[in-house]
Amino acid sequence: MWDTGRYKNDAWYKNGKQPFVYSFGDGTGYGQHGDYLFGWKDDSLQKAMDALPSGKCANANCSVLKIQSAADAMKCKKAQQVPEDIGKDGAWLKELPGGASVTYAK
C-alpha cells in the first residue's frame, strides 16, 4: 500500500490528467499491478480458500483469518535493496526507471 494523499495538489490534475503512472508505463490507469508475498502461517491459506464459496472470505474481509491492519502493515519498513534514481527532495523523475515509455489510451 502506498498513501498518495500527501501528493494532493489540484494543479497536477488539470484537464483530466494525473501525474501518477504504473512502473510499466500505463499512464491511463487501465493496467493492474500487484506484489505477491508468501506469508501464510500454518494452514491459514487453506482456511481462506475453504471459506471462499461461503462468502466468509473476500478481499480484505475474511472472518476466518486474523488480518493485519493497514496501520500495522505500514510500520514495516525495509531499506531500498537496488540503488536507482527514485527522485530526491520532491523532484519528479524525467523518465521511468529502466527507460520505460509512458503510454496513454486514445
PDB file of N, CA and C in Angstrom:
ATOM      1  N   MET A   1       0.847  -1.178   0.000  1.00  0.00           N
ATOM      2  CA  MET A   1       0.000   0.000   0.000  1.00  0.00           C
ATOM      3  C   MET A   1       0.889   1.237   0.000  1.00  0.00           C
ATOM      4  N   TRP A   2       0.426   2.247  -0.662  1.00  0.00           N
ATOM      5  CA  TRP A   2       1.194   3.486  -0.725  1.00  0.00           C
ATOM      6  C   TRP A   2       0.215   4.640  -0.626  1.00  0.00           C
ATOM      7  N   ASP A   3       0.395   5.489   0.357  1.00  0.00           N
ATOM      8  CA  ASP A   3      -0.501   6.608   0.602  1.00  0.00           C
ATOM      9  C   ASP A   3      -0.171   7.755  -0.343  1.00  0.00           C
ATOM     10  N   THR A   4      -1.053   8.019  -1.287  1.00  0.00           N
ATOM     11  CA  THR A   4      -0.842   9.119  -2.230  1.00  0.00           C
ATOM     12  C   THR A   4      -1.454  10.422  -1.736  1.00  0.00           C
ATOM     13  N   GLY A   5      -2.084  10.403  -0.556  1.00  0.00           N
ATOM     14  CA  GLY A   5      -2.730  11.591  -0.015  1.00  0.00           C
ATOM     15  C   GLY A   5      -1.808  12.783   0.145  1.00  0.00           C
ATOM     16  N   ARG A   6      -0.537  12.522   0.432  1.00  0.00           N
ATOM     17  CA  ARG A   6       0.383  13.648   0.620  1.00  0.00           C
ATOM     18  C   ARG A   6       0.727  14.341  -0.704  1.00  0.00           C
ATOM     19  N   TYR A   7       0.291  13.758  -1.819  1.00  0.00           N
ATOM     20  CA  TYR A   7       0.551  14.358  -3.124  1.00  0.00           C
ATOM     21  C   TYR A   7      -0.668  15.077  -3.670  1.00  0.00           C
ATOM     22  N   LYS A   8      -1.579  15.473  -2.798  1.00  0.00           N
ATOM     23  CA  LYS A   8      -2.789  16.181  -3.235  1.00  0.00           C
ATOM     24  C   LYS A   8      -2.416  17.609  -3.631  1.00  0.00           C
ATOM     25  N   ASN A   9      -2.505  17.871  -4.901  1.00  0.00           N
ATOM     26  CA  ASN A   9      -2.188  19.186  -5.437  1.00  0.00           C
ATOM     27  C   ASN A   9      -3.037  19.349  -6.696  1.00  0.00           C
ATOM     28  N   ASP A  10      -4.073  20.163  -6.625  1.00  0.00           N
ATOM     29  CA  ASP A  10      -5.005  20.310  -7.743  1.00  0.00           C
ATOM     30  C   ASP A  10      -4.335  20.709  -9.052  1.00  0.00           C
ATOM     31  N   ALA A  11      -3.207  21.374  -8.988  1.00  0.00           N
ATOM     32  CA  ALA A  11      -2.515  21.792 -10.208  1.00  0.00           C
ATOM     33  C   ALA A  11      -2.035  20.592 -11.025  1.00  0.00           C
ATOM     34  N   TRP A  12      -1.814  19.455 -10.389  1.00  0.00           N
ATOM     35  CA  TRP A  12      -1.328  18.262 -11.097  1.00  0.00           C
ATOM     36  C   TRP A  12      -2.436  17.522 -11.830  1.00  0.00           C
ATOM     37  N   TYR A  13      -3.686  17.852 -11.535  1.00  0.00           N
ATOM     38  CA  TYR A  13      -4.810  17.079 -12.061  1.00  0.00           C
ATOM     39  C   TYR A  13      -5.669  17.868 -13.037  1.00  0.00           C
ATOM     40  N   LYS A  14      -5.088  18.793 -13.753  1.00  0.00           N
ATOM     41  CA  LYS A  14      -5.846  19.607 -14.702  1.00  0.00           C
ATOM     42  C   LYS A  14      -6.166  18.816 -15.965  1.00  0.00           C
ATOM     43  N   ASN A  15      -7.272  19.165 -16.596  1.00  0.00           N
ATOM     44  CA  ASN A  15      -7.693  18.574 -17.866  1.00  0.00           C
ATOM     45  C   ASN A  15      -7.821  17.054 -17.795  1.00  0.00           C
ATOM     46  N   GLY A  16      -8.211  16.534 -16.634  1.00  0.00           N
ATOM     47  CA  GLY A  16      -8.408  15.087 -16.501  1.00  0.00           C
ATOM     48  C   GLY A  16      -7.135  14.277 -16.439  1.00  0.00           C
ATOM     49  N   LYS A  17      -6.003  14.925 -16.308  1.00  0.00           N
ATOM     50  CA  LYS A  17      -4.720  14.209 -16.249  1.00  0.00           C
ATOM     51  C   LYS A  17      -4.294  14.073 -14.797  1.00  0.00           C
ATOM     52  N   GLN A  18      -3.433  13.126 -14.557  1.00  0.00           N
ATOM     53  CA  GLN A  18      -2.875  12.941 -13.227  1.00  0.00           C
ATOM     54  C   GLN A  18      -1.403  12.568 -13.369  1.00  0.00           C
ATOM     55  N   PRO A  19      -0.577  12.821 -12.365  1.00  0.00           N
ATOM     56  CA  PRO A  19       0.867  12.646 -12.515  1.00  0.00           C
ATOM     57  C   PRO A  19       1.382  11.236 -12.249  1.00  0.00           C
ATOM     58  N   PHE A  20       0.517  10.331 -11.816  1.00  0.00           N
ATOM     59  CA  PHE A  20       0.989   9.006 -11.448  1.00  0.00           C
ATOM     60  C   PHE A  20       0.828   8.014 -12.590  1.00  0.00           C
ATOM     61  N   VAL A  21       1.828   7.190 -12.791  1.00  0.00           N
ATOM     62  CA  VAL A  21       1.780   6.127 -13.782  1.00  0.00           C
ATOM     63  C   VAL A  21       2.299   4.848 -13.134  1.00  0.00           C
ATOM     64  N   TYR A  22       1.837   3.721 -13.634  1.00  0.00           N
ATOM     65  CA  TYR A  22       2.381   2.452 -13.168  1.00  0.00           C
ATOM     66  C   TYR A  22       3.827   2.324 -13.627  1.00  0.00           C
ATOM     67  N   SER A  23       4.603   1.522 -12.924  1.00  0.00           N
ATOM     68  CA  SER A  23       6.015   1.363 -13.252  1.00  0.00           C
ATOM     69  C   SER A  23       6.222   0.758 -14.638  1.00  0.00           C
ATOM     70  N   PHE A  24       5.204   0.108 -15.193  1.00  0.00           N
ATOM     71  CA  PHE A  24       5.330  -0.474 -16.530  1.00  0.00           C
ATOM     72  C   PHE A  24       4.847   0.488 -17.611  1.00  0.00           C
ATOM     73  N   GLY A  25       4.559   1.752 -17.250  1.00  0.00           N
ATOM     74  CA  GLY A  25       4.302   2.790 -18.235  1.00  0.00           C
ATOM     75  C   GLY A  25       2.854   3.107 -18.533  1.00  0.00           C
ATOM     76  N   ASP A  26       1.900   2.530 -17.820  1.00  0.00           N
ATOM     77  CA  ASP A  26       0.488   2.808 -18.074  1.00  0.00           C
ATOM     78  C   ASP A  26       0.125   4.165 -17.486  1.00  0.00           C
ATOM     79  N   GLY A  27      -0.070   5.157 -18.332  1.00  0.00           N
ATOM     80  CA  GLY A  27      -0.429   6.492 -17.890  1.00  0.00           C
ATOM     81  C   GLY A  27      -1.930   6.714 -17.799  1.00  0.00           C
ATOM     82  N   THR A  28      -2.726   5.765 -18.310  1.00  0.00           N
ATOM     83  CA  THR A  28      -4.175   5.899 -18.317  1.00  0.00           C
ATOM     84  C   THR A  28      -4.802   5.291 -17.068  1.00  0.00           C
ATOM     85  N   GLY A  29      -4.237   4.210 -16.584  1.00  0.00           N
ATOM     86  CA  GLY A  29      -4.776   3.543 -15.407  1.00  0.00           C
ATOM     87  C   GLY A  29      -5.565   2.291 -15.728  1.00  0.00           C
ATOM     88  N   TYR A  30      -5.393   1.746 -16.930  1.00  0.00           N
ATOM     89  CA  TYR A  30      -6.098   0.527 -17.311  1.00  0.00           C
ATOM     90  C   TYR A  30      -5.376  -0.726 -16.815  1.00  0.00           C
ATOM     91  N   GLY A  31      -4.110  -0.608 -16.511  1.00  0.00           N
ATOM     92  CA  GLY A  31      -3.321  -1.764 -16.093  1.00  0.00           C
ATOM     93  C   GLY A  31      -3.571  -2.135 -14.643  1.00  0.00           C
ATOM     94  N   GLN A  32      -3.063  -3.268 -14.274  1.00  0.00           N
ATOM     95  CA  GLN A  32      -3.146  -3.742 -12.901  1.00  0.00           C
ATOM     96  C   GLN A  32      -1.749  -4.122 -12.436  1.00  0.00           C
ATOM     97  N   HIS A  33      -1.532  -3.997 -11.149  1.00  0.00           N
ATOM     98  CA  HIS A  33      -0.239  -4.362 -10.595  1.00  0.00           C
ATOM     99  C   HIS A  33      -0.459  -4.919  -9.198  1.00  0.00           C
ATOM    100  N   GLY A  34       0.276  -5.921  -8.884  1.00  0.00           N
ATOM    101  CA  GLY A  34       0.197  -6.471  -7.539  1.00  0.00           C
ATOM    102  C   GLY A  34       1.490  -7.175  -7.197  1.00  0.00           C
ATOM    103  N   ASP A  35       1.842  -7.160  -5.967  1.00  0.00           N
ATOM    104  CA  ASP A  35       3.014  -7.879  -5.491  1.00  0.00           C
ATOM    105  C   ASP A  35       2.524  -9.017  -4.614  1.00  0.00           C
ATOM    106  N   TYR A  36       3.065 -10.183  -4.823  1.00  0.00           N
ATOM    107  CA  TYR A  36       2.677 -11.332  -4.028  1.00  0.00           C
ATOM    108  C   TYR A  36       3.812 -11.681  -3.074  1.00  0.00           C
ATOM    109  N   LEU A  37       3.490 -11.718  -1.824  1.00  0.00           N
ATOM    110  CA  LEU A  37       4.438 -12.122  -0.795  1.00  0.00           C
ATOM    111  C   LEU A  37       3.830 -13.310  -0.081  1.00  0.00           C
ATOM    112  N   PHE A  38       4.569 -14.411  -0.019  1.00  0.00           N
ATOM    113  CA  PHE A  38       4.032 -15.590   0.665  1.00  0.00           C
ATOM    114  C   PHE A  38       4.300 -15.437   2.144  1.00  0.00           C
ATOM    115  N   GLY A  39       3.255 -15.210   2.903  1.00  0.00           N
ATOM    116  CA  GLY A  39       3.396 -15.010   4.322  1.00  0.00           C
ATOM    117  C   GLY A  39       2.320 -15.734   5.107  1.00  0.00           C
ATOM    118  N   TRP A  40       1.857 -16.851   4.573  1.00  0.00           N
ATOM    119  CA  TRP A  40       0.783 -17.592   5.225  1.00  0.00           C
ATOM    120  C   TRP A  40       1.357 -18.435   6.359  1.00  0.00           C
ATOM    121  N   LYS A  41       0.740 -18.364   7.512  1.00  0.00           N
ATOM    122  CA  LYS A  41       1.176 -19.153   8.665  1.00  0.00           C
ATOM    123  C   LYS A  41       0.366 -20.447   8.734  1.00  0.00           C
ATOM    124  N   ASP A  42       1.067 -21.533   8.930  1.00  0.00           N
ATOM    125  CA  ASP A  42       0.444 -22.849   9.102  1.00  0.00           C
ATOM    126  C   ASP A  42      -0.562 -23.116   7.988  1.00  0.00           C
ATOM    127  N   ASP A  43      -1.823 -23.415   8.336  1.00  0.00           N
ATOM    128  CA  ASP A  43      -2.831 -23.762   7.330  1.00  0.00           C
ATOM    129  C   ASP A  43      -3.779 -22.600   7.016  1.00  0.00           C
ATOM    130  N   SER A  44      -3.334 -21.375   7.276  1.00  0.00           N
ATOM    131  CA  SER A  44      -4.228 -20.221   7.079  1.00  0.00           C
ATOM    132  C   SER A  44      -4.637 -20.044   5.617  1.00  0.00           C
ATOM    133  N   LEU A  45      -3.757 -20.316   4.670  1.00  0.00           N
ATOM    134  CA  LEU A  45      -4.125 -20.197   3.256  1.00  0.00           C
ATOM    135  C   LEU A  45      -5.252 -21.181   2.933  1.00  0.00           C
ATOM    136  N   GLN A  46      -5.135 -22.398   3.421  1.00  0.00           N
ATOM    137  CA  GLN A  46      -6.181 -23.390   3.167  1.00  0.00           C
ATOM    138  C   GLN A  46      -7.505 -22.965   3.788  1.00  0.00           C
ATOM    139  N   LYS A  47      -7.462 -22.412   4.994  1.00  0.00           N
ATOM    140  CA  LYS A  47      -8.681 -21.929   5.646  1.00  0.00           C
ATOM    141  C   LYS A  47      -9.355 -20.850   4.802  1.00  0.00           C
ATOM    142  N   ALA A  48      -8.559 -19.940   4.277  1.00  0.00           N
ATOM    143  CA  ALA A  48      -9.111 -18.869   3.440  1.00  0.00           C
ATOM    144  C   ALA A  48      -9.715 -19.442   2.163  1.00  0.00           C
ATOM    145  N   MET A  49      -9.021 -20.369   1.526  1.00  0.00           N
ATOM    146  CA  MET A  49      -9.527 -20.973   0.291  1.00  0.00           C
ATOM    147  C   MET A  49     -10.833 -21.730   0.558  1.00  0.00           C
ATOM    148  N   ASP A  50     -10.888 -22.447   1.671  1.00  0.00           N
ATOM    149  CA  ASP A  50     -12.096 -23.194   2.016  1.00  0.00           C
ATOM    150  C   ASP A  50     -13.276 -22.259   2.291  1.00  0.00           C
ATOM    151  N   ALA A  51     -13.014 -21.048   2.764  1.00  0.00           N
ATOM    152  CA  ALA A  51     -14.074 -20.097   3.105  1.00  0.00           C
ATOM    153  C   ALA A  51     -14.598 -19.318   1.895  1.00  0.00           C
ATOM    154  N   LEU A  52     -13.916 -19.384   0.756  1.00  0.00           N
ATOM    155  CA  LEU A  52     -14.337 -18.610  -0.425  1.00  0.00           C
ATOM    156  C   LEU A  52     -15.771 -18.916  -0.855  1.00  0.00           C
ATOM    157  N   PRO A  53     -16.160 -20.179  -1.031  1.00  0.00           N
ATOM    158  CA  PRO A  53     -17.537 -20.442  -1.506  1.00  0.00           C
ATOM    159  C   PRO A  53     -18.623 -19.940  -0.553  1.00  0.00           C
ATOM    160  N   SER A  54     -18.320 -19.869   0.731  1.00  0.00           N
ATOM    161  CA  SER A  54     -19.327 -19.430   1.702  1.00  0.00           C
ATOM    162  C   SER A  54     -19.452 -17.915   1.769  1.00  0.00           C
ATOM    163  N   GLY A  55     -18.507 -17.198   1.142  1.00  0.00           N
ATOM    164  CA  GLY A  55     -18.519 -15.743   1.184  1.00  0.00           C
ATOM    165  C   GLY A  55     -17.909 -15.178   2.461  1.00  0.00           C
ATOM    166  N   LYS A  56     -17.339 -16.048   3.297  1.00  0.00           N
ATOM    167  CA  LYS A  56     -16.730 -15.585   4.543  1.00  0.00           C
ATOM    168  C   LYS A  56     -15.336 -15.013   4.336  1.00  0.00           C
ATOM    169  N   CYS A  57     -14.851 -15.093   3.121  1.00  0.00           N
ATOM    170  CA  CYS A  57     -13.506 -14.583   2.845  1.00  0.00           C
ATOM    171  C   CYS A  57     -13.512 -13.932   1.467  1.00  0.00           C
ATOM    172  N   ALA A  58     -13.496 -12.602   1.437  1.00  0.00           N
ATOM    173  CA  ALA A  58     -13.492 -11.862   0.181  1.00  0.00           C
ATOM    174  C   ALA A  58     -12.647 -10.609   0.346  1.00  0.00           C
ATOM    175  N   ASN A  59     -11.600 -10.512  -0.422  1.00  0.00           N
ATOM    176  CA  ASN A  59     -10.681  -9.374  -0.367  1.00  0.00           C
ATOM    177  C   ASN A  59     -10.146  -9.177   1.055  1.00  0.00           C
ATOM    178  N   ALA A  60     -10.266  -7.990   1.606  1.00  0.00           N
ATOM    179  CA  ALA A  60      -9.728  -7.725   2.941  1.00  0.00           C
ATOM    180  C   ALA A  60     -10.695  -8.151   4.046  1.00  0.00           C
ATOM    181  N   ASN A  61     -11.868  -8.631   3.679  1.00  0.00           N
ATOM    182  CA  ASN A  61     -12.853  -9.080   4.671  1.00  0.00           C
ATOM    183  C   ASN A  61     -12.860 -10.600   4.715  1.00  0.00           C
ATOM    184  N   CYS A  62     -12.174 -11.152   5.694  1.00  0.00           N
ATOM    185  CA  CYS A  62     -12.072 -12.603   5.794  1.00  0.00           C
ATOM    186  C   CYS A  62     -12.169 -12.990   7.264  1.00  0.00           C
ATOM    187  N   SER A  63     -13.354 -13.424   7.662  1.00  0.00           N
ATOM    188  CA  SER A  63     -13.593 -13.696   9.075  1.00  0.00           C
ATOM    189  C   SER A  63     -12.839 -14.916   9.598  1.00  0.00           C
ATOM    190  N   VAL A  64     -12.306 -15.755   8.714  1.00  0.00           N
ATOM    191  CA  VAL A  64     -11.577 -16.939   9.182  1.00  0.00           C
ATOM    192  C   VAL A  64     -10.095 -16.659   9.400  1.00  0.00           C
ATOM    193  N   LEU A  65      -9.646 -15.459   9.057  1.00  0.00           N
ATOM    194  CA  LEU A  65      -8.236 -15.101   9.221  1.00  0.00           C
ATOM    195  C   LEU A  65      -8.067 -13.913  10.156  1.00  0.00           C
ATOM    196  N   LYS A  66      -6.936 -13.854  10.800  1.00  0.00           N
ATOM    197  CA  LYS A  66      -6.551 -12.665  11.553  1.00  0.00           C
ATOM    198  C   LYS A  66      -5.795 -11.788  10.560  1.00  0.00           C
ATOM    199  N   ILE A  67      -6.328 -10.609  10.285  1.00  0.00           N
ATOM    200  CA  ILE A  67      -5.757  -9.730   9.266  1.00  0.00           C
ATOM    201  C   ILE A  67      -5.081  -8.533   9.926  1.00  0.00           C
ATOM    202  N   GLN A  68      -3.882  -8.251   9.463  1.00  0.00           N
ATOM    203  CA  GLN A  68      -3.117  -7.120   9.984  1.00  0.00           C
ATOM    204  C   GLN A  68      -3.744  -5.817   9.497  1.00  0.00           C
ATOM    205  N   SER A  69      -3.823  -4.841  10.365  1.00  0.00           N
ATOM    206  CA  SER A  69      -4.389  -3.550   9.961  1.00  0.00           C
ATOM    207  C   SER A  69      -3.437  -2.830   9.006  1.00  0.00           C
ATOM    208  N   ALA A  70      -3.979  -1.907   8.220  1.00  0.00           N
ATOM    209  CA  ALA A  70      -3.144  -1.126   7.304  1.00  0.00           C
ATOM    210  C   ALA A  70      -2.101  -0.334   8.091  1.00  0.00           C
ATOM    211  N   ALA A  71      -2.480   0.206   9.240  1.00  0.00           N
ATOM    212  CA  ALA A  71      -1.538   0.985  10.062  1.00  0.00           C
ATOM    213  C   ALA A  71      -0.366   0.121  10.512  1.00  0.00           C
ATOM    214  N   ASP A  72      -0.647  -1.114  10.937  1.00  0.00           N
ATOM    215  CA  ASP A  72       0.434  -2.012  11.342  1.00  0.00           C
ATOM    216  C   ASP A  72       1.295  -2.418  10.153  1.00  0.00           C
ATOM    217  N   ALA A  73       0.660  -2.661   9.012  1.00  0.00           N
ATOM    218  CA  ALA A  73       1.416  -3.037   7.817  1.00  0.00           C
ATOM    219  C   ALA A  73       2.372  -1.923   7.399  1.00  0.00           C
ATOM    220  N   MET A  74       1.928  -0.679   7.518  1.00  0.00           N
ATOM    221  CA  MET A  74       2.765   0.451   7.098  1.00  0.00           C
ATOM    222  C   MET A  74       3.942   0.697   8.037  1.00  0.00           C
ATOM    223  N   LYS A  75       3.925   0.092   9.220  1.00  0.00           N
ATOM    224  CA  LYS A  75       5.045   0.221  10.156  1.00  0.00           C
ATOM    225  C   LYS A  75       6.246  -0.602   9.702  1.00  0.00           C
ATOM    226  N   CYS A  76       6.014  -1.553   8.834  1.00  0.00           N
ATOM    227  CA  CYS A  76       7.081  -2.426   8.344  1.00  0.00           C
ATOM    228  C   CYS A  76       7.877  -1.671   7.277  1.00  0.00           C
ATOM    229  N   LYS A  77       9.138  -1.431   7.535  1.00  0.00           N
ATOM    230  CA  LYS A  77       9.990  -0.674   6.606  1.00  0.00           C
ATOM    231  C   LYS A  77      11.210  -1.499   6.240  1.00  0.00           C
ATOM    232  N   LYS A  78      11.626  -1.426   5.013  1.00  0.00           N
ATOM    233  CA  LYS A  78      12.827  -2.100   4.554  1.00  0.00           C
ATOM    234  C   LYS A  78      13.585  -1.136   3.655  1.00  0.00           C
ATOM    235  N   ALA A  79      14.865  -1.054   3.849  1.00  0.00           N
ATOM    236  CA  ALA A  79      15.690  -0.142   3.049  1.00  0.00           C
ATOM    237  C   ALA A  79      15.710  -0.577   1.587  1.00  0.00           C
ATOM    238  N   GLN A  80      15.904   0.377   0.709  1.00  0.00           N
ATOM    239  CA  GLN A  80      15.995   0.103  -0.723  1.00  0.00           C
ATOM    240  C   GLN A  80      17.129  -0.884  -0.983  1.00  0.00           C
ATOM    241  N   GLN A  81      16.845  -1.947  -1.733  1.00  0.00           N
ATOM    242  CA  GLN A  81      17.825  -3.007  -1.983  1.00  0.00           C
ATOM    243  C   GLN A  81      18.600  -2.824  -3.288  1.00  0.00           C
ATOM    244  N   VAL A  82      17.993  -2.152  -4.266  1.00  0.00           N
ATOM    245  CA  VAL A  82      18.641  -1.950  -5.563  1.00  0.00           C
ATOM    246  C   VAL A  82      18.737  -0.455  -5.801  1.00  0.00           C
ATOM    247  N   PRO A  83      19.951   0.095  -5.778  1.00  0.00           N
ATOM    248  CA  PRO A  83      20.086   1.546  -5.977  1.00  0.00           C
ATOM    249  C   PRO A  83      19.572   1.986  -7.354  1.00  0.00           C
ATOM    250  N   GLU A  84      18.678   2.960  -7.374  1.00  0.00           N
ATOM    251  CA  GLU A  84      18.196   3.553  -8.615  1.00  0.00           C
ATOM    252  C   GLU A  84      17.679   4.942  -8.291  1.00  0.00           C
ATOM    253  N   ASP A  85      17.605   5.776  -9.302  1.00  0.00           N
ATOM    254  CA  ASP A  85      17.108   7.136  -9.128  1.00  0.00           C
ATOM    255  C   ASP A  85      15.604   7.071  -8.891  1.00  0.00           C
ATOM    256  N   ILE A  86      15.172   7.435  -7.710  1.00  0.00           N
ATOM    257  CA  ILE A  86      13.740   7.435  -7.385  1.00  0.00           C
ATOM    258  C   ILE A  86      13.242   8.849  -7.129  1.00  0.00           C
ATOM    259  N   GLY A  87      14.036   9.834  -7.509  1.00  0.00           N
ATOM    260  CA  GLY A  87      13.669  11.225  -7.279  1.00  0.00           C
ATOM    261  C   GLY A  87      14.048  11.624  -5.872  1.00  0.00           C
ATOM    262  N   LYS A  88      14.615  12.766  -5.728  1.00  0.00           N
ATOM    263  CA  LYS A  88      15.047  13.233  -4.418  1.00  0.00           C
ATOM    264  C   LYS A  88      14.472  14.617  -4.151  1.00  0.00           C
ATOM    265  N   ASP A  89      14.211  14.905  -2.896  1.00  0.00           N
ATOM    266  CA  ASP A  89      13.763  16.229  -2.467  1.00  0.00           C
ATOM    267  C   ASP A  89      12.558  16.742  -3.239  1.00  0.00           C
ATOM    268  N   GLY A  90      11.617  15.837  -3.555  1.00  0.00           N
ATOM    269  CA  GLY A  90      10.386  16.250  -4.217  1.00  0.00           C
ATOM    270  C   GLY A  90      10.502  16.445  -5.715  1.00  0.00           C
ATOM    271  N   ALA A  91      11.667  16.168  -6.297  1.00  0.00           N
ATOM    272  CA  ALA A  91      11.839  16.333  -7.743  1.00  0.00           C
ATOM    273  C   ALA A  91      11.173  15.170  -8.483  1.00  0.00           C
ATOM    274  N   TRP A  92      10.498  15.465  -9.584  1.00  0.00           N
ATOM    275  CA  TRP A  92       9.881  14.430 -10.409  1.00  0.00           C
ATOM    276  C   TRP A  92      10.955  13.769 -11.257  1.00  0.00           C
ATOM    277  N   LEU A  93      10.806  12.485 -11.502  1.00  0.00           N
ATOM    278  CA  LEU A  93      11.705  11.779 -12.409  1.00  0.00           C
ATOM    279  C   LEU A  93      11.426  12.235 -13.836  1.00  0.00           C
ATOM    280  N   LYS A  94      12.472  12.307 -14.636  1.00  0.00           N
ATOM    281  CA  LYS A  94      12.305  12.684 -16.040  1.00  0.00           C
ATOM    282  C   LYS A  94      11.841  11.499 -16.881  1.00  0.00           C
ATOM    283  N   GLU A  95      12.119  10.285 -16.415  1.00  0.00           N
ATOM    284  CA  GLU A  95      11.661   9.077 -17.096  1.00  0.00           C
ATOM    285  C   GLU A  95      11.507   7.977 -16.050  1.00  0.00           C
ATOM    286  N   LEU A  96      10.797   6.932 -16.417  1.00  0.00           N
ATOM    287  CA  LEU A  96      10.632   5.800 -15.517  1.00  0.00           C
ATOM    288  C   LEU A  96      11.954   5.046 -15.398  1.00  0.00           C
ATOM    289  N   PRO A  97      12.223   4.448 -14.263  1.00  0.00           N
ATOM    290  CA  PRO A  97      13.433   3.629 -14.132  1.00  0.00           C
ATOM    291  C   PRO A  97      13.504   2.590 -15.230  1.00  0.00           C
ATOM    292  N   GLY A  98      14.668   2.432 -15.796  1.00  0.00           N
ATOM    293  CA  GLY A  98      14.852   1.491 -16.900  1.00  0.00           C
ATOM    294  C   GLY A  98      14.482   2.067 -18.243  1.00  0.00           C
ATOM    295  N   GLY A  99      14.031   3.326 -18.285  1.00  0.00           N
ATOM    296  CA  GLY A  99      13.693   3.973 -19.554  1.00  0.00           C
ATOM    297  C   GLY A  99      12.359   3.548 -20.145  1.00  0.00           C
ATOM    298  N   ALA A 100      11.470   2.939 -19.359  1.00  0.00           N
ATOM    299  CA  ALA A 100      10.166   2.511 -19.867  1.00  0.00           C
ATOM    300  C   ALA A 100       9.381   3.731 -20.346  1.00  0.00           C
ATOM    301  N   SER A 101       8.688   3.577 -21.467  1.00  0.00           N
ATOM    302  CA  SER A 101       7.874   4.657 -22.030  1.00  0.00           C
ATOM    303  C   SER A 101       6.520   4.721 -21.339  1.00  0.00           C
ATOM    304  N   VAL A 102       6.017   5.929 -21.149  1.00  0.00           N
ATOM    305  CA  VAL A 102       4.670   6.115 -20.608  1.00  0.00           C
ATOM    306  C   VAL A 102       3.720   6.201 -21.798  1.00  0.00           C
ATOM    307  N   THR A 103       2.652   5.384 -21.765  1.00  0.00           N
ATOM    308  CA  THR A 103       1.680   5.384 -22.844  1.00  0.00           C
ATOM    309  C   THR A 103       0.303   5.749 -22.302  1.00  0.00           C
ATOM    310  N   TYR A 104      -0.532   6.312 -23.161  1.00  0.00           N
ATOM    311  CA  TYR A 104      -1.888   6.720 -22.802  1.00  0.00           C
ATOM    312  C   TYR A 104      -2.856   6.136 -23.814  1.00  0.00           C
ATOM    313  N   ALA A 105      -3.979   5.623 -23.346  1.00  0.00           N
ATOM    314  CA  ALA A 105      -5.017   5.101 -24.244  1.00  0.00           C
ATOM    315  C   ALA A 105      -5.635   6.251 -24.998  1.00  0.00           C
ATOM    316  N   LYS A 106      -6.041   5.995 -26.228  1.00  0.00           N
ATOM    317  CA  LYS A 106      -6.652   7.041 -27.065  1.00  0.00           C
ATOM    318  C   LYS A 106      -8.137   6.925 -27.052  1.00  0.00           C
TER     319      LYS A 106
END
